[in-house]
């Protein structure tokens, strides 16, 4: 397991309450997003942090995550180094 601060991990933040259910994130990175019973995206294995859901992501998935960030029509997904 990587040490805290390791560059092997990144952080995804998702503002779930503003999701419109377009499915792009689930289709692009299904290992991180799943649609709930109402058809809205939920960030898997996440914790609530203010208005965002927060989860750890693997840096090796960065390109696919960035595709989901760029494609989100309501701009509610963020990718950070920590």
Protein backbone atom coordinates (compact mmCIF):
# COMPACT_ATOMS: atom_id res chain seq x y z
CA UNK A 1 0.00 0.00 0.00
CA UNK A 2 1.25 3.49 -0.84
CA UNK A 3 2.33 5.83 1.90
CA UNK A 4 0.32 8.99 2.59
CA UNK A 5 1.47 11.69 0.21
CA UNK A 6 2.56 9.12 -2.35
CA UNK A 7 2.19 10.12 -5.96
CA UNK A 8 0.53 6.75 -6.66
CA UNK A 9 -2.84 8.20 -5.63
CA UNK A 10 -4.99 11.19 -6.48
CA UNK A 11 -8.30 12.50 -5.15
CA UNK A 12 -11.59 12.65 -7.03
CA UNK A 13 -14.23 15.08 -5.80
CA UNK A 14 -17.81 14.92 -7.06
CA UNK A 15 -20.65 17.32 -6.31
CA UNK A 16 -23.36 14.63 -6.40
CA UNK A 17 -26.28 16.94 -5.58
CA UNK A 18 -25.75 18.77 -8.88
CA UNK A 19 -25.59 15.60 -11.02
CA UNK A 20 -27.98 15.49 -14.00
CA UNK A 21 -27.54 11.76 -14.66
CA UNK A 22 -25.88 11.95 -18.08
CA UNK A 23 -23.96 8.68 -17.37
CA UNK A 24 -20.66 9.90 -18.88
CA UNK A 25 -18.65 9.36 -15.70
CA UNK A 26 -20.02 5.88 -15.14
CA UNK A 27 -19.32 4.95 -18.77
CA UNK A 28 -15.81 6.45 -18.71
CA UNK A 29 -14.60 5.33 -15.28
CA UNK A 30 -17.00 2.68 -13.92
CA UNK A 31 -14.44 1.68 -11.31
CA UNK A 32 -15.14 5.05 -9.61
CA UNK A 33 -18.77 5.92 -10.48
CA UNK A 34 -22.08 4.11 -10.41
CA UNK A 35 -25.61 5.35 -11.00
CA UNK A 36 -27.96 5.13 -8.04
CA UNK A 37 -31.63 4.08 -8.15
CA UNK A 38 -32.60 7.59 -9.27
CA UNK A 39 -30.12 7.52 -12.19
CA UNK A 40 -27.69 9.95 -10.57
CA UNK A 41 -23.95 9.30 -10.37
CA UNK A 42 -22.41 8.37 -7.05
CA UNK A 43 -18.68 8.28 -6.39
CA UNK A 44 -17.84 4.79 -5.12
CA UNK A 45 -15.98 4.29 -1.83
CA UNK A 46 -16.33 7.98 -1.03
CA UNK A 47 -16.76 10.10 2.05
CA UNK A 48 -18.68 13.34 2.29
CA UNK A 49 -16.50 16.47 2.42
CA UNK A 50 -18.67 19.59 2.46
CA UNK A 51 -20.70 19.61 -0.77
CA UNK A 52 -18.38 17.05 -2.38
CA UNK A 53 -18.05 13.30 -2.25
CA UNK A 54 -14.32 12.47 -1.97
CA UNK A 55 -12.52 9.27 -2.96
CA UNK A 56 -8.98 8.11 -3.59
CA UNK A 57 -8.08 7.28 -7.20
CA UNK A 58 -5.11 5.52 -8.71
CA UNK A 59 -2.76 7.73 -10.69
CA UNK A 60 -2.61 5.08 -13.41
CA UNK A 61 -6.29 5.92 -14.13
CA UNK A 62 -5.51 9.63 -14.54
CA UNK A 63 -6.13 9.86 -18.30
CA UNK A 64 -9.58 8.26 -18.04
CA UNK A 65 -10.48 10.35 -15.01
CA UNK A 66 -9.42 13.53 -16.82
CA UNK A 67 -11.65 12.48 -19.73
CA UNK A 68 -14.61 12.22 -17.34
CA UNK A 69 -13.73 15.58 -15.73
CA UNK A 70 -13.53 17.30 -19.13
CA UNK A 71 -16.70 15.64 -20.43
CA UNK A 72 -18.97 16.30 -17.44
CA UNK A 73 -21.63 18.66 -18.84
CA UNK A 74 -22.25 20.30 -15.45
CA UNK A 75 -18.57 20.50 -14.38
CA UNK A 76 -19.01 18.79 -11.00
CA UNK A 77 -16.02 16.40 -11.01
CA UNK A 78 -12.57 17.47 -9.79
CA UNK A 79 -9.25 15.65 -9.78
CA UNK A 80 -6.56 16.74 -7.34
CA UNK A 81 -3.13 15.50 -6.34
CA UNK A 82 -4.21 15.37 -2.70
